[in-house]
Protein backbone atom coordinates (compact mmCIF):
# COMPACT_ATOMS: atom_id res chain seq x y z
CA MET A 1 104.37 -4.06 10.24
CA ARG A 2 103.02 -3.39 13.75
CA LYS A 3 100.38 -1.02 12.33
CA TYR A 4 99.02 -3.71 9.99
CA PHE A 5 98.97 -6.28 12.76
CA ILE A 6 96.96 -3.97 15.07
CA THR A 7 94.58 -3.09 12.22
CA GLY A 8 94.05 -6.80 11.59
CA LEU A 9 93.37 -7.38 15.29
CA LEU A 10 90.86 -4.52 15.41
CA ILE A 11 88.95 -6.12 12.55
CA LEU A 12 89.23 -9.81 13.46
CA VAL A 13 88.85 -9.76 17.28
CA PRO A 14 85.24 -8.41 17.29
CA ILE A 15 84.30 -10.87 14.52
CA ALA A 16 85.89 -13.80 16.38
CA ILE A 17 84.26 -12.89 19.71
CA THR A 18 80.85 -12.40 18.04
CA ALA A 19 81.15 -15.78 16.29
CA TRP A 20 82.25 -17.45 19.55
CA VAL A 21 79.32 -15.98 21.53
CA LEU A 22 76.81 -16.92 18.81
CA ASN A 23 78.23 -20.44 18.66
CA LEU A 24 77.98 -20.74 22.45
CA VAL A 25 74.37 -19.49 22.50
CA ILE A 26 73.25 -21.65 19.55
CA SER A 27 74.99 -24.81 20.83
CA THR A 28 73.42 -24.26 24.28
CA MET A 29 69.97 -23.77 22.78
CA ASP A 30 70.50 -26.82 20.55
CA GLN A 31 70.48 -28.89 23.74
CA SER A 32 66.68 -28.60 23.67
CA LEU A 33 66.77 -31.33 20.99
CA LEU A 34 67.44 -33.73 23.86
CA LEU A 35 63.71 -33.31 24.68
CA VAL A 36 62.86 -34.92 21.34
CA PRO A 37 62.83 -38.75 21.28
CA ALA A 38 66.08 -40.15 19.84
CA GLN A 39 64.44 -41.65 16.74
CA TYR A 40 63.09 -38.21 15.69
CA ARG A 41 66.34 -36.24 16.08
CA PRO A 42 68.09 -35.03 12.89
CA LYS A 43 71.02 -37.41 13.44
CA ALA A 44 68.67 -40.42 13.35
CA LEU A 45 66.53 -39.12 10.47
CA PHE A 46 69.17 -37.61 8.16
CA GLY A 47 72.43 -39.07 9.45
CA PHE A 48 73.85 -35.69 10.54
CA ASP A 49 73.10 -32.88 13.01
CA ILE A 50 71.51 -29.63 11.85
CA PRO A 51 73.01 -26.71 13.82
CA GLY A 52 70.39 -24.17 14.88
CA LEU A 53 67.43 -26.57 14.79
CA GLY A 54 67.47 -26.72 18.60
CA THR A 55 67.49 -22.92 18.68
CA ILE A 56 64.33 -22.85 16.58
CA LEU A 57 62.79 -25.46 18.90
CA THR A 58 63.76 -23.40 21.98
CA VAL A 59 62.23 -20.21 20.55
CA LEU A 60 59.09 -22.19 19.64
CA ILE A 61 58.84 -23.66 23.18
CA VAL A 62 59.23 -20.19 24.76
CA PHE A 63 56.61 -18.72 22.39
CA LEU A 64 54.12 -21.55 22.97
CA THR A 65 54.63 -21.34 26.74
CA GLY A 66 53.83 -17.62 26.62
CA LEU A 67 50.83 -18.26 24.37
CA LEU A 68 49.39 -21.07 26.51
CA THR A 69 49.90 -19.32 29.86
CA ASN A 70 48.38 -16.06 28.66
CA ASN A 71 44.80 -17.26 29.21
CA LEU A 72 42.64 -18.24 32.18
CA VAL A 73 43.47 -21.97 32.17
CA GLY A 74 47.20 -21.39 31.60
CA ASN A 75 47.32 -18.80 34.38
CA TYR A 76 45.64 -21.24 36.75
CA ILE A 77 48.18 -23.99 35.91
CA VAL A 78 51.10 -21.58 36.46
CA ARG A 79 49.68 -20.47 39.84
CA MET A 80 49.24 -24.10 40.96
CA TRP A 81 52.79 -24.95 39.80
CA GLU A 82 54.20 -21.97 41.72
CA LYS A 83 52.25 -22.98 44.86
CA LEU A 84 53.81 -26.43 44.60
CA LEU A 85 57.31 -24.98 44.19
CA HIS A 86 56.82 -22.66 47.19
CA ARG A 87 56.22 -25.71 49.41
CA ILE A 88 59.61 -27.29 48.67
CA PRO A 89 62.14 -25.83 51.17
CA VAL A 90 65.30 -25.10 49.10
CA VAL A 91 63.52 -24.77 45.76
CA SER A 92 61.12 -22.20 47.24
CA SER A 93 63.75 -19.60 48.09
CA LEU A 94 65.75 -20.18 44.90
CA TYR A 95 62.72 -20.07 42.59
CA GLY A 96 61.28 -17.05 44.42
CA SER A 97 64.49 -15.06 44.03
CA VAL A 98 64.99 -15.95 40.37
CA LYS A 99 61.31 -15.23 39.60
CA GLN A 100 61.47 -11.83 41.28
CA VAL A 101 64.62 -10.82 39.38
CA SER A 102 63.29 -12.08 36.03
CA ASP A 103 59.93 -10.34 36.57
CA THR A 104 61.78 -7.10 37.29
CA LEU A 105 64.16 -7.38 34.33
CA PHE A 106 61.77 -8.67 31.67
CA SER A 107 58.49 -7.06 32.69
CA SER A 108 57.48 -4.10 30.56
CA SER A 109 56.30 -2.36 33.73
CA GLY A 110 59.54 -3.10 35.63
CA ASN A 111 61.97 -0.35 36.56
CA ALA A 112 65.26 -2.24 36.30
CA PHE A 113 68.05 -0.45 34.46
CA ARG A 114 65.83 2.37 33.24
CA LYS A 115 68.35 5.11 34.02
CA ALA A 116 72.12 5.43 33.69
CA VAL A 117 73.77 7.34 36.55
CA LEU A 118 77.23 8.55 37.53
CA ILE A 119 78.37 7.62 41.04
CA PRO A 120 81.50 7.91 43.18
CA TYR A 121 83.08 4.43 43.06
CA PRO A 122 85.31 2.72 44.25
CA HIS A 123 86.28 5.81 46.26
CA GLN A 124 85.09 9.40 46.59
CA ASN A 125 87.58 10.81 44.05
CA SER A 126 86.67 8.50 41.14
CA ARG A 127 83.46 8.03 39.15
CA THR A 128 81.80 5.17 37.32
CA ILE A 129 78.60 4.53 35.42
CA ALA A 130 75.89 2.56 37.21
CA PHE A 131 72.23 1.77 36.65
CA LEU A 132 69.44 2.91 38.91
CA THR A 133 67.49 -0.11 40.18
CA GLY A 134 65.19 1.43 42.78
CA VAL A 135 65.21 2.48 46.42
CA PRO A 136 66.20 0.47 49.49
CA GLY A 137 63.26 -1.07 51.33
CA GLY A 138 62.37 -3.23 54.29
CA ASP A 139 64.60 -3.28 57.34
CA VAL A 140 67.52 -1.81 55.36
CA LYS A 141 65.62 1.46 54.92
CA GLN A 142 65.26 1.80 58.71
CA HIS A 143 69.05 1.88 59.11
CA LEU A 144 69.75 4.52 56.46
CA GLU A 145 69.58 8.21 57.29
CA GLY A 146 68.40 10.45 54.48
CA GLU A 147 67.32 9.63 50.95
CA TYR A 148 69.06 6.65 49.33
CA VAL A 149 68.86 4.90 45.97
CA SER A 150 69.88 1.40 44.88
CA VAL A 151 72.26 1.05 41.95
CA TYR A 152 73.91 -1.76 40.04
CA VAL A 153 77.55 -1.24 39.04
CA PRO A 154 78.44 -3.59 36.14
CA THR A 155 82.00 -4.80 35.66
CA THR A 156 84.00 -4.26 32.48
CA PRO A 157 84.01 -5.94 29.94
CA ASN A 158 81.41 -8.40 31.31
CA PRO A 159 78.38 -6.39 32.52
CA THR A 160 76.52 -9.49 33.71
CA SER A 161 78.58 -9.45 36.89
CA GLY A 162 78.87 -6.43 39.11
CA PHE A 163 78.06 -4.85 42.45
CA PHE A 164 74.86 -3.76 44.14
CA LEU A 165 75.23 -0.54 46.13
CA MET A 166 73.01 1.79 48.13
CA LEU A 167 74.10 5.42 47.86
CA ALA A 168 72.86 8.75 49.15
CA LYS A 169 70.69 10.27 46.43
CA LYS A 170 72.71 13.51 46.57
CA ASP A 171 75.83 11.61 45.41
CA VAL A 172 74.09 10.16 42.33
CA ILE A 173 74.06 12.14 39.07
CA GLU A 174 71.42 11.11 36.51
CA LEU A 175 72.90 10.98 33.02
CA ASP A 176 71.24 12.06 29.79
CA MET A 177 72.30 8.77 28.21
CA SER A 178 70.33 5.68 27.20
CA VAL A 179 70.95 2.39 29.00
CA ASP A 180 72.18 0.89 25.69
CA ALA A 181 74.72 3.69 25.17
CA ALA A 182 75.92 3.33 28.76
CA LEU A 183 76.33 -0.44 28.35
CA LYS A 184 78.34 0.03 25.14
CA TYR A 185 80.54 2.53 26.95
CA ILE A 186 81.13 0.10 29.82
CA VAL A 187 81.72 -2.99 27.65
CA SER A 188 84.15 -1.11 25.41
CA MET A 189 86.09 0.03 28.49
CA GLY A 190 85.48 3.67 27.55
CA VAL A 191 86.69 3.34 23.97
CA VAL A 192 83.23 3.76 22.40
CA ALA A 193 82.16 7.08 23.94
CA PRO A 194 78.47 8.00 23.79
CA GLU A 195 77.53 10.87 21.50
């Protein structure tokens, strides 16, 4: 009896979580329909909502934004908009930080999470997987003796939260493992071992 129950859980839990996450993402993206005037929304035109239509609209907006800003005029408008944002006190620091992180993560030339590493954490006698994010810079570098690297240690099972650490390079072991395989290993809490 217990064996069948566990087998059922192993099959249904991943399906339920996947459906829940997809529903959350699609319903969040469907909020973009609020940009459309009320008389042109599906509810007004057809008498019912169409799930996923907002997702299509969101993808279209992102694509068109990329298309329009990828030329001389679009680039100029983006630069002027960013100059304006940099003049607003609180918005300036917030926008600057978010822009820097997104440029690093989404840029094809960025170096974020390009290498999985093994580090001593949370103490010297244990190990965890982390991602190499670069090297310390600025004033921080002046206070570190020797060669250091910056790493991001994701939490399990939610890798979007974690810890940023600076470690001596000699304590960091580069793994022959893709970032995707390392993420699966972390999210699965070690159950799905990399090949």
